[in-house]
Amino acid sequence: MNIGCDIEQVSRFKGKSREQDEKFLNRLFTQNELDYCFSKTKPEESLCARFCAKEAYIKAKGAQDTPFNEIEIIAKDSKKPALYVRGVKIEGDVSISHTEEYAMAVVLC
């Protein structure tokens, strides 16, 4: 098992819109992730948390060549986030958290 973690300032994603920042957002997130994040009152917090989880996965696996939009963080029925790479569920654990200022994630895989 490998572990990775990341922390970022939420302000990095503040003010991003699906229309004006489409190219940027599509490089980092899947449509499922964008739908989920933009359904929230403060999408920047959820976007940043998912970005952190992707960074944490890349650090854990040494997978620098994996495009961000091929890594997906999905919270299904259990609300516990799960990690998918190219549509395949990755065995391990993902923990994400955020405040108005910071988001962080830890990945064990």
PDB file of N, CA and C in Angstrom:
ATOM      1  N   MET A   1       0.850  -1.187   0.000  1.00  0.00           N
ATOM      2  CA  MET A   1       0.000   0.000   0.000  1.00  0.00           C
ATOM      3  C   MET A   1       0.891   1.244   0.000  1.00  0.00           C
ATOM      4  N   ASN A   2       0.407   2.249  -0.697  1.00  0.00           N
ATOM      5  CA  ASN A   2       1.093   3.539  -0.765  1.00  0.00           C
ATOM      6  C   ASN A   2       0.151   4.614  -0.245  1.00  0.00           C
ATOM      7  N   ILE A   3       0.726   5.699   0.239  1.00  0.00           N
ATOM      8  CA  ILE A   3      -0.078   6.805   0.747  1.00  0.00           C
ATOM      9  C   ILE A   3       0.343   8.095   0.057  1.00  0.00           C
ATOM     10  N   GLY A   4      -0.643   8.938  -0.222  1.00  0.00           N
ATOM     11  CA  GLY A   4      -0.390  10.257  -0.783  1.00  0.00           C
ATOM     12  C   GLY A   4      -1.311  11.253  -0.122  1.00  0.00           C
ATOM     13  N   CYS A   5      -0.869  12.491  -0.009  1.00  0.00           N
ATOM     14  CA  CYS A   5      -1.743  13.519   0.552  1.00  0.00           C
ATOM     15  C   CYS A   5      -1.494  14.830  -0.179  1.00  0.00           C
ATOM     16  N   ASP A   6      -2.468  15.721  -0.096  1.00  0.00           N
ATOM     17  CA  ASP A   6      -2.346  17.027  -0.737  1.00  0.00           C
ATOM     18  C   ASP A   6      -3.258  18.003  -0.009  1.00  0.00           C
ATOM     19  N   ILE A   7      -2.848  19.251   0.028  1.00  0.00           N
ATOM     20  CA  ILE A   7      -3.646  20.337   0.583  1.00  0.00           C
ATOM     21  C   ILE A   7      -3.516  21.530  -0.357  1.00  0.00           C
ATOM     22  N   GLU A   8      -4.615  22.217  -0.589  1.00  0.00           N
ATOM     23  CA  GLU A   8      -4.635  23.362  -1.504  1.00  0.00           C
ATOM     24  C   GLU A   8      -5.543  24.450  -0.947  1.00  0.00           C
ATOM     25  N   GLN A   9      -5.332  25.665  -1.397  1.00  0.00           N
ATOM     26  CA  GLN A   9      -6.231  26.761  -1.049  1.00  0.00           C
ATOM     27  C   GLN A   9      -7.455  26.709  -1.962  1.00  0.00           C
ATOM     28  N   VAL A  10      -8.624  26.785  -1.365  1.00  0.00           N
ATOM     29  CA  VAL A  10      -9.886  26.740  -2.106  1.00  0.00           C
ATOM     30  C   VAL A  10      -9.982  27.920  -3.077  1.00  0.00           C
ATOM     31  N   SER A  11      -9.367  29.036  -2.740  1.00  0.00           N
ATOM     32  CA  SER A  11      -9.433  30.233  -3.594  1.00  0.00           C
ATOM     33  C   SER A  11      -8.935  29.955  -5.011  1.00  0.00           C
ATOM     34  N   ARG A  12      -8.146  28.915  -5.174  1.00  0.00           N
ATOM     35  CA  ARG A  12      -7.646  28.526  -6.497  1.00  0.00           C
ATOM     36  C   ARG A  12      -8.800  28.209  -7.464  1.00  0.00           C
ATOM     37  N   PHE A  13      -9.944  27.783  -6.917  1.00  0.00           N
ATOM     38  CA  PHE A  13     -11.096  27.407  -7.737  1.00  0.00           C
ATOM     39  C   PHE A  13     -12.274  28.377  -7.588  1.00  0.00           C
ATOM     40  N   LYS A  14     -12.125  29.381  -6.763  1.00  0.00           N
ATOM     41  CA  LYS A  14     -13.221  30.328  -6.525  1.00  0.00           C
ATOM     42  C   LYS A  14     -13.504  31.123  -7.798  1.00  0.00           C
ATOM     43  N   GLY A  15     -14.779  31.269  -8.102  1.00  0.00           N
ATOM     44  CA  GLY A  15     -15.192  32.058  -9.257  1.00  0.00           C
ATOM     45  C   GLY A  15     -15.137  31.317 -10.581  1.00  0.00           C
ATOM     46  N   LYS A  16     -14.748  30.067 -10.560  1.00  0.00           N
ATOM     47  CA  LYS A  16     -14.728  29.288 -11.811  1.00  0.00           C
ATOM     48  C   LYS A  16     -16.164  28.969 -12.214  1.00  0.00           C
ATOM     49  N   SER A  17     -16.433  29.081 -13.486  1.00  0.00           N
ATOM     50  CA  SER A  17     -17.775  28.748 -13.982  1.00  0.00           C
ATOM     51  C   SER A  17     -17.650  27.708 -15.085  1.00  0.00           C
ATOM     52  N   ARG A  18     -18.686  26.907 -15.207  1.00  0.00           N
ATOM     53  CA  ARG A  18     -18.668  25.839 -16.224  1.00  0.00           C
ATOM     54  C   ARG A  18     -18.561  26.415 -17.625  1.00  0.00           C
ATOM     55  N   GLU A  19     -19.162  27.566 -17.840  1.00  0.00           N
ATOM     56  CA  GLU A  19     -19.180  28.163 -19.178  1.00  0.00           C
ATOM     57  C   GLU A  19     -17.857  28.859 -19.499  1.00  0.00           C
ATOM     58  N   GLN A  20     -17.420  29.760 -18.629  1.00  0.00           N
ATOM     59  CA  GLN A  20     -16.226  30.556 -18.916  1.00  0.00           C
ATOM     60  C   GLN A  20     -14.924  29.790 -18.728  1.00  0.00           C
ATOM     61  N   ASP A  21     -14.926  28.790 -17.899  1.00  0.00           N
ATOM     62  CA  ASP A  21     -13.701  28.048 -17.591  1.00  0.00           C
ATOM     63  C   ASP A  21     -13.790  26.590 -18.047  1.00  0.00           C
ATOM     64  N   GLU A  22     -14.579  26.343 -19.076  1.00  0.00           N
ATOM     65  CA  GLU A  22     -14.848  24.983 -19.542  1.00  0.00           C
ATOM     66  C   GLU A  22     -13.568  24.218 -19.876  1.00  0.00           C
ATOM     67  N   LYS A  23     -12.676  24.812 -20.638  1.00  0.00           N
ATOM     68  CA  LYS A  23     -11.453  24.118 -21.058  1.00  0.00           C
ATOM     69  C   LYS A  23     -10.600  23.740 -19.845  1.00  0.00           C
ATOM     70  N   PHE A  24     -10.408  24.667 -18.926  1.00  0.00           N
ATOM     71  CA  PHE A  24      -9.637  24.416 -17.709  1.00  0.00           C
ATOM     72  C   PHE A  24     -10.272  23.303 -16.888  1.00  0.00           C
ATOM     73  N   LEU A  25     -11.571  23.411 -16.625  1.00  0.00           N
ATOM     74  CA  LEU A  25     -12.271  22.429 -15.789  1.00  0.00           C
ATOM     75  C   LEU A  25     -12.296  21.048 -16.426  1.00  0.00           C
ATOM     76  N   ASN A  26     -12.487  20.976 -17.739  1.00  0.00           N
ATOM     77  CA  ASN A  26     -12.530  19.680 -18.422  1.00  0.00           C
ATOM     78  C   ASN A  26     -11.168  18.980 -18.444  1.00  0.00           C
ATOM     79  N   ARG A  27     -10.081  19.730 -18.314  1.00  0.00           N
ATOM     80  CA  ARG A  27      -8.757  19.112 -18.215  1.00  0.00           C
ATOM     81  C   ARG A  27      -8.556  18.442 -16.861  1.00  0.00           C
ATOM     82  N   LEU A  28      -9.278  18.910 -15.844  1.00  0.00           N
ATOM     83  CA  LEU A  28      -9.080  18.416 -14.483  1.00  0.00           C
ATOM     84  C   LEU A  28     -10.151  17.455 -13.991  1.00  0.00           C
ATOM     85  N   PHE A  29     -11.388  17.609 -14.479  1.00  0.00           N
ATOM     86  CA  PHE A  29     -12.519  16.894 -13.892  1.00  0.00           C
ATOM     87  C   PHE A  29     -13.358  16.181 -14.948  1.00  0.00           C
ATOM     88  N   THR A  30     -14.048  15.127 -14.505  1.00  0.00           N
ATOM     89  CA  THR A  30     -15.002  14.436 -15.372  1.00  0.00           C
ATOM     90  C   THR A  30     -16.337  15.178 -15.320  1.00  0.00           C
ATOM     91  N   GLN A  31     -17.219  14.862 -16.234  1.00  0.00           N
ATOM     92  CA  GLN A  31     -18.542  15.489 -16.231  1.00  0.00           C
ATOM     93  C   GLN A  31     -19.321  15.133 -14.966  1.00  0.00           C
ATOM     94  N   ASN A  32     -19.185  13.889 -14.485  1.00  0.00           N
ATOM     95  CA  ASN A  32     -19.843  13.500 -13.231  1.00  0.00           C
ATOM     96  C   ASN A  32     -19.379  14.371 -12.072  1.00  0.00           C
ATOM     97  N   GLU A  33     -18.078  14.605 -12.009  1.00  0.00           N
ATOM     98  CA  GLU A  33     -17.535  15.442 -10.935  1.00  0.00           C
ATOM     99  C   GLU A  33     -18.027  16.882 -11.053  1.00  0.00           C
ATOM    100  N   LEU A  34     -18.029  17.404 -12.269  1.00  0.00           N
ATOM    101  CA  LEU A  34     -18.494  18.774 -12.468  1.00  0.00           C
ATOM    102  C   LEU A  34     -19.969  18.910 -12.110  1.00  0.00           C
ATOM    103  N   ASP A  35     -20.778  17.934 -12.513  1.00  0.00           N
ATOM    104  CA  ASP A  35     -22.204  17.964 -12.160  1.00  0.00           C
ATOM    105  C   ASP A  35     -22.379  17.992 -10.650  1.00  0.00           C
ATOM    106  N   TYR A  36     -21.642  17.130  -9.960  1.00  0.00           N
ATOM    107  CA  TYR A  36     -21.730  17.063  -8.499  1.00  0.00           C
ATOM    108  C   TYR A  36     -21.279  18.382  -7.860  1.00  0.00           C
ATOM    109  N   CYS A  37     -20.111  18.860  -8.232  1.00  0.00           N
ATOM    110  CA  CYS A  37     -19.554  20.060  -7.607  1.00  0.00           C
ATOM    111  C   CYS A  37     -20.410  21.294  -7.850  1.00  0.00           C
ATOM    112  N   PHE A  38     -20.892  21.448  -9.076  1.00  0.00           N
ATOM    113  CA  PHE A  38     -21.681  22.638  -9.391  1.00  0.00           C
ATOM    114  C   PHE A  38     -23.122  22.537  -8.889  1.00  0.00           C
ATOM    115  N   SER A  39     -23.488  21.410  -8.294  1.00  0.00           N
ATOM    116  CA  SER A  39     -24.795  21.311  -7.628  1.00  0.00           C
ATOM    117  C   SER A  39     -24.706  21.854  -6.205  1.00  0.00           C
ATOM    118  N   LYS A  40     -23.496  22.134  -5.734  1.00  0.00           N
ATOM    119  CA  LYS A  40     -23.258  22.623  -4.383  1.00  0.00           C
ATOM    120  C   LYS A  40     -23.319  24.150  -4.343  1.00  0.00           C
ATOM    121  N   THR A  41     -23.623  24.684  -3.166  1.00  0.00           N
ATOM    122  CA  THR A  41     -23.668  26.132  -2.976  1.00  0.00           C
ATOM    123  C   THR A  41     -22.305  26.765  -3.217  1.00  0.00           C
ATOM    124  N   LYS A  42     -21.249  26.088  -2.775  1.00  0.00           N
ATOM    125  CA  LYS A  42     -19.880  26.579  -2.955  1.00  0.00           C
ATOM    126  C   LYS A  42     -19.085  25.528  -3.731  1.00  0.00           C
ATOM    127  N   PRO A  43     -19.241  25.519  -5.047  1.00  0.00           N
ATOM    128  CA  PRO A  43     -18.573  24.477  -5.851  1.00  0.00           C
ATOM    129  C   PRO A  43     -17.057  24.484  -5.718  1.00  0.00           C
ATOM    130  N   GLU A  44     -16.483  25.633  -5.433  1.00  0.00           N
ATOM    131  CA  GLU A  44     -15.029  25.713  -5.336  1.00  0.00           C
ATOM    132  C   GLU A  44     -14.466  24.785  -4.251  1.00  0.00           C
ATOM    133  N   GLU A  45     -15.202  24.583  -3.168  1.00  0.00           N
ATOM    134  CA  GLU A  45     -14.741  23.699  -2.103  1.00  0.00           C
ATOM    135  C   GLU A  45     -14.691  22.248  -2.573  1.00  0.00           C
ATOM    136  N   SER A  46     -15.734  21.811  -3.257  1.00  0.00           N
ATOM    137  CA  SER A  46     -15.781  20.431  -3.756  1.00  0.00           C
ATOM    138  C   SER A  46     -14.795  20.214  -4.901  1.00  0.00           C
ATOM    139  N   LEU A  47     -14.647  21.200  -5.767  1.00  0.00           N
ATOM    140  CA  LEU A  47     -13.667  21.095  -6.854  1.00  0.00           C
ATOM    141  C   LEU A  47     -12.260  20.947  -6.281  1.00  0.00           C
ATOM    142  N   CYS A  48     -11.938  21.793  -5.320  1.00  0.00           N
ATOM    143  CA  CYS A  48     -10.604  21.773  -4.733  1.00  0.00           C
ATOM    144  C   CYS A  48     -10.345  20.458  -4.005  1.00  0.00           C
ATOM    145  N   ALA A  49     -11.343  19.950  -3.289  1.00  0.00           N
ATOM    146  CA  ALA A  49     -11.181  18.684  -2.568  1.00  0.00           C
ATOM    147  C   ALA A  49     -10.905  17.542  -3.541  1.00  0.00           C
ATOM    148  N   ARG A  50     -11.611  17.506  -4.660  1.00  0.00           N
ATOM    149  CA  ARG A  50     -11.387  16.460  -5.655  1.00  0.00           C
ATOM    150  C   ARG A  50     -10.025  16.610  -6.327  1.00  0.00           C
ATOM    151  N   PHE A  51      -9.633  17.837  -6.582  1.00  0.00           N
ATOM    152  CA  PHE A  51      -8.297  18.078  -7.128  1.00  0.00           C
ATOM    153  C   PHE A  51      -7.232  17.530  -6.171  1.00  0.00           C
ATOM    154  N   CYS A  52      -7.409  17.791  -4.878  1.00  0.00           N
ATOM    155  CA  CYS A  52      -6.461  17.282  -3.872  1.00  0.00           C
ATOM    156  C   CYS A  52      -6.414  15.755  -3.887  1.00  0.00           C
ATOM    157  N   ALA A  53      -7.565  15.118  -4.003  1.00  0.00           N
ATOM    158  CA  ALA A  53      -7.600  13.650  -4.025  1.00  0.00           C
ATOM    159  C   ALA A  53      -6.854  13.108  -5.251  1.00  0.00           C
ATOM    160  N   LYS A  54      -6.996  13.785  -6.371  1.00  0.00           N
ATOM    161  CA  LYS A  54      -6.294  13.360  -7.581  1.00  0.00           C
ATOM    162  C   LYS A  54      -4.784  13.521  -7.409  1.00  0.00           C
ATOM    163  N   GLU A  55      -4.377  14.649  -6.843  1.00  0.00           N
ATOM    164  CA  GLU A  55      -2.950  14.871  -6.559  1.00  0.00           C
ATOM    165  C   GLU A  55      -2.426  13.813  -5.593  1.00  0.00           C
ATOM    166  N   ALA A  56      -3.216  13.506  -4.570  1.00  0.00           N
ATOM    167  CA  ALA A  56      -2.803  12.506  -3.577  1.00  0.00           C
ATOM    168  C   ALA A  56      -2.644  11.134  -4.236  1.00  0.00           C
ATOM    169  N   TYR A  57      -3.553  10.778  -5.134  1.00  0.00           N
ATOM    170  CA  TYR A  57      -3.435   9.506  -5.857  1.00  0.00           C
ATOM    171  C   TYR A  57      -2.156   9.485  -6.696  1.00  0.00           C
ATOM    172  N   ILE A  58      -1.908  10.552  -7.418  1.00  0.00           N
ATOM    173  CA  ILE A  58      -0.719  10.634  -8.268  1.00  0.00           C
ATOM    174  C   ILE A  58       0.547  10.491  -7.421  1.00  0.00           C
ATOM    175  N   LYS A  59       0.566  11.125  -6.258  1.00  0.00           N
ATOM    176  CA  LYS A  59       1.723  11.011  -5.367  1.00  0.00           C
ATOM    177  C   LYS A  59       1.865   9.587  -4.835  1.00  0.00           C
ATOM    178  N   ALA A  60       0.755   8.972  -4.466  1.00  0.00           N
ATOM    179  CA  ALA A  60       0.794   7.616  -3.901  1.00  0.00           C
ATOM    180  C   ALA A  60       1.290   6.602  -4.925  1.00  0.00           C
ATOM    181  N   LYS A  61       0.839   6.725  -6.155  1.00  0.00           N
ATOM    182  CA  LYS A  61       1.155   5.727  -7.180  1.00  0.00           C
ATOM    183  C   LYS A  61       2.314   6.124  -8.095  1.00  0.00           C
ATOM    184  N   GLY A  62       2.799   7.357  -7.954  1.00  0.00           N
ATOM    185  CA  GLY A  62       3.842   7.804  -8.871  1.00  0.00           C
ATOM    186  C   GLY A  62       3.326   7.853 -10.294  1.00  0.00           C
ATOM    187  N   ALA A  63       2.067   8.253 -10.436  1.00  0.00           N
ATOM    188  CA  ALA A  63       1.371   8.189 -11.732  1.00  0.00           C
ATOM    189  C   ALA A  63       1.290   9.564 -12.399  1.00  0.00           C
ATOM    190  N   GLN A  64       2.431  10.234 -12.510  1.00  0.00           N
ATOM    191  CA  GLN A  64       2.448  11.583 -13.077  1.00  0.00           C
ATOM    192  C   GLN A  64       1.955  11.650 -14.512  1.00  0.00           C
ATOM    193  N   ASP A  65       1.952  10.536 -15.221  1.00  0.00           N
ATOM    194  CA  ASP A  65       1.513  10.535 -16.614  1.00  0.00           C
ATOM    195  C   ASP A  65       0.002  10.329 -16.758  1.00  0.00           C
ATOM    196  N   THR A  66      -0.712  10.143 -15.658  1.00  0.00           N
ATOM    197  CA  THR A  66      -2.159   9.952 -15.721  1.00  0.00           C
ATOM    198  C   THR A  66      -2.854  11.314 -15.776  1.00  0.00           C
ATOM    199  N   PRO A  67      -3.610  11.597 -16.836  1.00  0.00           N
ATOM    200  CA  PRO A  67      -4.328  12.870 -16.913  1.00  0.00           C
ATOM    201  C   PRO A  67      -5.344  13.000 -15.769  1.00  0.00           C
ATOM    202  N   PHE A  68      -5.473  14.204 -15.243  1.00  0.00           N
ATOM    203  CA  PHE A  68      -6.386  14.448 -14.128  1.00  0.00           C
ATOM    204  C   PHE A  68      -7.817  14.041 -14.471  1.00  0.00           C
ATOM    205  N   ASN A  69      -8.253  14.276 -15.700  1.00  0.00           N
ATOM    206  CA  ASN A  69      -9.645  13.969 -16.051  1.00  0.00           C
ATOM    207  C   ASN A  69      -9.884  12.477 -16.283  1.00  0.00           C
ATOM    208  N   GLU A  70      -8.851  11.658 -16.111  1.00  0.00           N
ATOM    209  CA  GLU A  70      -9.024  10.203 -16.154  1.00  0.00           C
ATOM    210  C   GLU A  70      -9.058   9.605 -14.749  1.00  0.00           C
ATOM    211  N   ILE A  71      -8.894  10.467 -13.754  1.00  0.00           N
ATOM    212  CA  ILE A  71      -9.023  10.085 -12.352  1.00  0.00           C
ATOM    213  C   ILE A  71     -10.345  10.686 -11.881  1.00  0.00           C
ATOM    214  N   GLU A  72     -11.190   9.874 -11.276  1.00  0.00           N
ATOM    215  CA  GLU A  72     -12.514  10.360 -10.881  1.00  0.00           C
ATOM    216  C   GLU A  72     -12.777  10.015  -9.418  1.00  0.00           C
ATOM    217  N   ILE A  73     -13.296  10.996  -8.690  1.00  0.00           N
ATOM    218  CA  ILE A  73     -13.673  10.813  -7.302  1.00  0.00           C
ATOM    219  C   ILE A  73     -15.197  10.849  -7.253  1.00  0.00           C
ATOM    220  N   ILE A  74     -15.781   9.727  -6.873  1.00  0.00           N
ATOM    221  CA  ILE A  74     -17.238   9.609  -6.856  1.00  0.00           C
ATOM    222  C   ILE A  74     -17.684   9.176  -5.462  1.00  0.00           C
ATOM    223  N   ALA A  75     -18.657   9.889  -4.929  1.00  0.00           N
ATOM    224  CA  ALA A  75     -19.295   9.480  -3.670  1.00  0.00           C
ATOM    225  C   ALA A  75     -20.670   8.941  -4.042  1.00  0.00           C
ATOM    226  N   LYS A  76     -20.813   7.636  -3.983  1.00  0.00           N
ATOM    227  CA  LYS A  76     -22.097   7.025  -4.360  1.00  0.00           C
ATOM    228  C   LYS A  76     -23.014   6.957  -3.149  1.00  0.00           C
ATOM    229  N   ASP A  77     -23.845   5.972  -3.078  1.00  0.00           N
ATOM    230  CA  ASP A  77     -24.863   5.859  -2.043  1.00  0.00           C
ATOM    231  C   ASP A  77     -24.327   6.008  -0.622  1.00  0.00           C
ATOM    232  N   SER A  78     -23.154   5.460  -0.357  1.00  0.00           N
ATOM    233  CA  SER A  78     -22.610   5.499   1.001  1.00  0.00           C
ATOM    234  C   SER A  78     -22.057   6.874   1.364  1.00  0.00           C
ATOM    235  N   LYS A  79     -21.938   7.744   0.383  1.00  0.00           N
ATOM    236  CA  LYS A  79     -21.353   9.078   0.550  1.00  0.00           C
ATOM    237  C   LYS A  79     -19.857   9.034   0.810  1.00  0.00           C
ATOM    238  N   LYS A  80     -19.290   7.836   0.903  1.00  0.00           N
ATOM    239  CA  LYS A  80     -17.854   7.693   1.062  1.00  0.00           C
ATOM    240  C   LYS A  80     -17.224   7.809  -0.322  1.00  0.00           C
ATOM    241  N   PRO A  81     -16.262   8.702  -0.482  1.00  0.00           N
ATOM    242  CA  PRO A  81     -15.666   8.849  -1.815  1.00  0.00           C
ATOM    243  C   PRO A  81     -14.901   7.607  -2.240  1.00  0.00           C
ATOM    244  N   ALA A  82     -14.996   7.312  -3.511  1.00  0.00           N
ATOM    245  CA  ALA A  82     -14.260   6.207  -4.114  1.00  0.00           C
ATOM    246  C   ALA A  82     -13.447   6.761  -5.275  1.00  0.00           C
ATOM    247  N   LEU A  83     -12.359   6.092  -5.569  1.00  0.00           N
ATOM    248  CA  LEU A  83     -11.431   6.533  -6.597  1.00  0.00           C
ATOM    249  C   LEU A  83     -11.503   5.598  -7.794  1.00  0.00           C
ATOM    250  N   TYR A  84     -11.658   6.191  -8.977  1.00  0.00           N
ATOM    251  CA  TYR A  84     -11.685   5.444 -10.231  1.00  0.00           C
ATOM    252  C   TYR A  84     -10.623   6.020 -11.163  1.00  0.00           C
ATOM    253  N   VAL A  85      -9.941   5.149 -11.867  1.00  0.00           N
ATOM    254  CA  VAL A  85      -8.982   5.582 -12.885  1.00  0.00           C
ATOM    255  C   VAL A  85      -9.379   4.903 -14.188  1.00  0.00           C
ATOM    256  N   ARG A  86      -9.669   5.739 -15.174  1.00  0.00           N
ATOM    257  CA  ARG A  86     -10.146   5.259 -16.480  1.00  0.00           C
ATOM    258  C   ARG A  86     -11.342   4.323 -16.325  1.00  0.00           C
ATOM    259  N   GLY A  87     -12.228   4.651 -15.386  1.00  0.00           N
ATOM    260  CA  GLY A  87     -13.451   3.900 -15.179  1.00  0.00           C
ATOM    261  C   GLY A  87     -13.329   2.670 -14.306  1.00  0.00           C
ATOM    262  N   VAL A  88     -12.127   2.349 -13.846  1.00  0.00           N
ATOM    263  CA  VAL A  88     -11.906   1.161 -13.012  1.00  0.00           C
ATOM    264  C   VAL A  88     -11.715   1.603 -11.561  1.00  0.00           C
ATOM    265  N   LYS A  89     -12.496   0.992 -10.670  1.00  0.00           N
ATOM    266  CA  LYS A  89     -12.390   1.347  -9.251  1.00  0.00           C
ATOM    267  C   LYS A  89     -11.047   0.890  -8.707  1.00  0.00           C
ATOM    268  N   ILE A  90     -10.377   1.788  -8.009  1.00  0.00           N
ATOM    269  CA  ILE A  90      -9.087   1.501  -7.405  1.00  0.00           C
ATOM    270  C   ILE A  90      -9.307   1.042  -5.969  1.00  0.00           C
ATOM    271  N   GLU A  91      -8.724  -0.079  -5.619  1.00  0.00           N
ATOM    272  CA  GLU A  91      -8.832  -0.579  -4.252  1.00  0.00           C
ATOM    273  C   GLU A  91      -8.021   0.319  -3.333  1.00  0.00           C
ATOM    274  N   GLY A  92      -8.621   0.712  -2.248  1.00  0.00           N
ATOM    275  CA  GLY A  92      -7.952   1.568  -1.283  1.00  0.00           C
ATOM    276  C   GLY A  92      -8.942   2.519  -0.660  1.00  0.00           C
ATOM    277  N   ASP A  93      -8.429   3.519   0.000  1.00  0.00           N
ATOM    278  CA  ASP A  93      -9.269   4.490   0.689  1.00  0.00           C
ATOM    279  C   ASP A  93      -8.932   5.906   0.267  1.00  0.00           C
ATOM    280  N   VAL A  94      -9.978   6.728   0.252  1.00  0.00           N
ATOM    281  CA  VAL A  94      -9.846   8.145  -0.048  1.00  0.00           C
ATOM    282  C   VAL A  94     -10.543   8.906   1.066  1.00  0.00           C
ATOM    283  N   SER A  95      -9.879   9.904   1.597  1.00  0.00           N
ATOM    284  CA  SER A  95     -10.499  10.774   2.585  1.00  0.00           C
ATOM    285  C   SER A  95     -10.308  12.210   2.122  1.00  0.00           C
ATOM    286  N   ILE A  96     -11.414  12.939   2.006  1.00  0.00           N
ATOM    287  CA  ILE A  96     -11.331  14.343   1.594  1.00  0.00           C
ATOM    288  C   ILE A  96     -12.033  15.202   2.638  1.00  0.00           C
ATOM    289  N   SER A  97     -11.556  16.429   2.763  1.00  0.00           N
ATOM    290  CA  SER A  97     -12.151  17.364   3.703  1.00  0.00           C
ATOM    291  C   SER A  97     -11.898  18.774   3.189  1.00  0.00           C
ATOM    292  N   HIS A  98     -12.787  19.687   3.563  1.00  0.00           N
ATOM    293  CA  HIS A  98     -12.566  21.074   3.145  1.00  0.00           C
ATOM    294  C   HIS A  98     -13.244  22.047   4.092  1.00  0.00           C
ATOM    295  N   THR A  99     -12.686  23.256   4.105  1.00  0.00           N
ATOM    296  CA  THR A  99     -13.283  24.403   4.779  1.00  0.00           C
ATOM    297  C   THR A  99     -13.437  25.473   3.707  1.00  0.00           C
ATOM    298  N   GLU A 100     -13.795  26.660   4.094  1.00  0.00           N
ATOM    299  CA  GLU A 100     -13.888  27.744   3.111  1.00  0.00           C
ATOM    300  C   GLU A 100     -12.514  28.129   2.576  1.00  0.00           C
ATOM    301  N   GLU A 101     -11.463  27.856   3.345  1.00  0.00           N
ATOM    302  CA  GLU A 101     -10.122  28.277   2.950  1.00  0.00           C
ATOM    303  C   GLU A 101      -9.255  27.180   2.339  1.00  0.00           C
ATOM    304  N   TYR A 102      -9.359  25.957   2.877  1.00  0.00           N
ATOM    305  CA  TYR A 102      -8.486  24.880   2.444  1.00  0.00           C
ATOM    306  C   TYR A 102      -9.264  23.591   2.172  1.00  0.00           C
ATOM    307  N   ALA A 103      -8.697  22.802   1.265  1.00  0.00           N
ATOM    308  CA  ALA A 103      -9.188  21.448   1.026  1.00  0.00           C
ATOM    309  C   ALA A 103      -7.982  20.532   1.133  1.00  0.00           C
ATOM    310  N   MET A 104      -8.247  19.309   1.553  1.00  0.00           N
ATOM    311  CA  MET A 104      -7.160  18.341   1.654  1.00  0.00           C
ATOM    312  C   MET A 104      -7.693  16.950   1.360  1.00  0.00           C
ATOM    313  N   ALA A 105      -6.781  16.067   1.012  1.00  0.00           N
ATOM    314  CA  ALA A 105      -7.159  14.679   0.750  1.00  0.00           C
ATOM    315  C   ALA A 105      -5.987  13.771   1.074  1.00  0.00           C
ATOM    316  N   VAL A 106      -6.344  12.565   1.497  1.00  0.00           N
ATOM    317  CA  VAL A 106      -5.377  11.496   1.728  1.00  0.00           C
ATOM    318  C   VAL A 106      -5.873  10.282   0.955  1.00  0.00           C
ATOM    319  N   VAL A 107      -4.964   9.636   0.241  1.00  0.00           N
ATOM    320  CA  VAL A 107      -5.290   8.434  -0.522  1.00  0.00           C
ATOM    321  C   VAL A 107      -4.347   7.324  -0.076  1.00  0.00           C
ATOM    322  N   LEU A 108      -4.936   6.180   0.223  1.00  0.00           N
ATOM    323  CA  LEU A 108      -4.191   4.980   0.566  1.00  0.00           C
ATOM    324  C   LEU A 108      -4.569   3.930  -0.464  1.00  0.00           C
ATOM    325  N   CYS A 109      -3.597   3.513  -1.278  1.00  0.00           N
ATOM    326  CA  CYS A 109      -3.900   2.520  -2.312  1.00  0.00           C
ATOM    327  C   CYS A 109      -2.682   1.682  -2.644  1.00  0.00           C
TER     328      CYS A 109
END
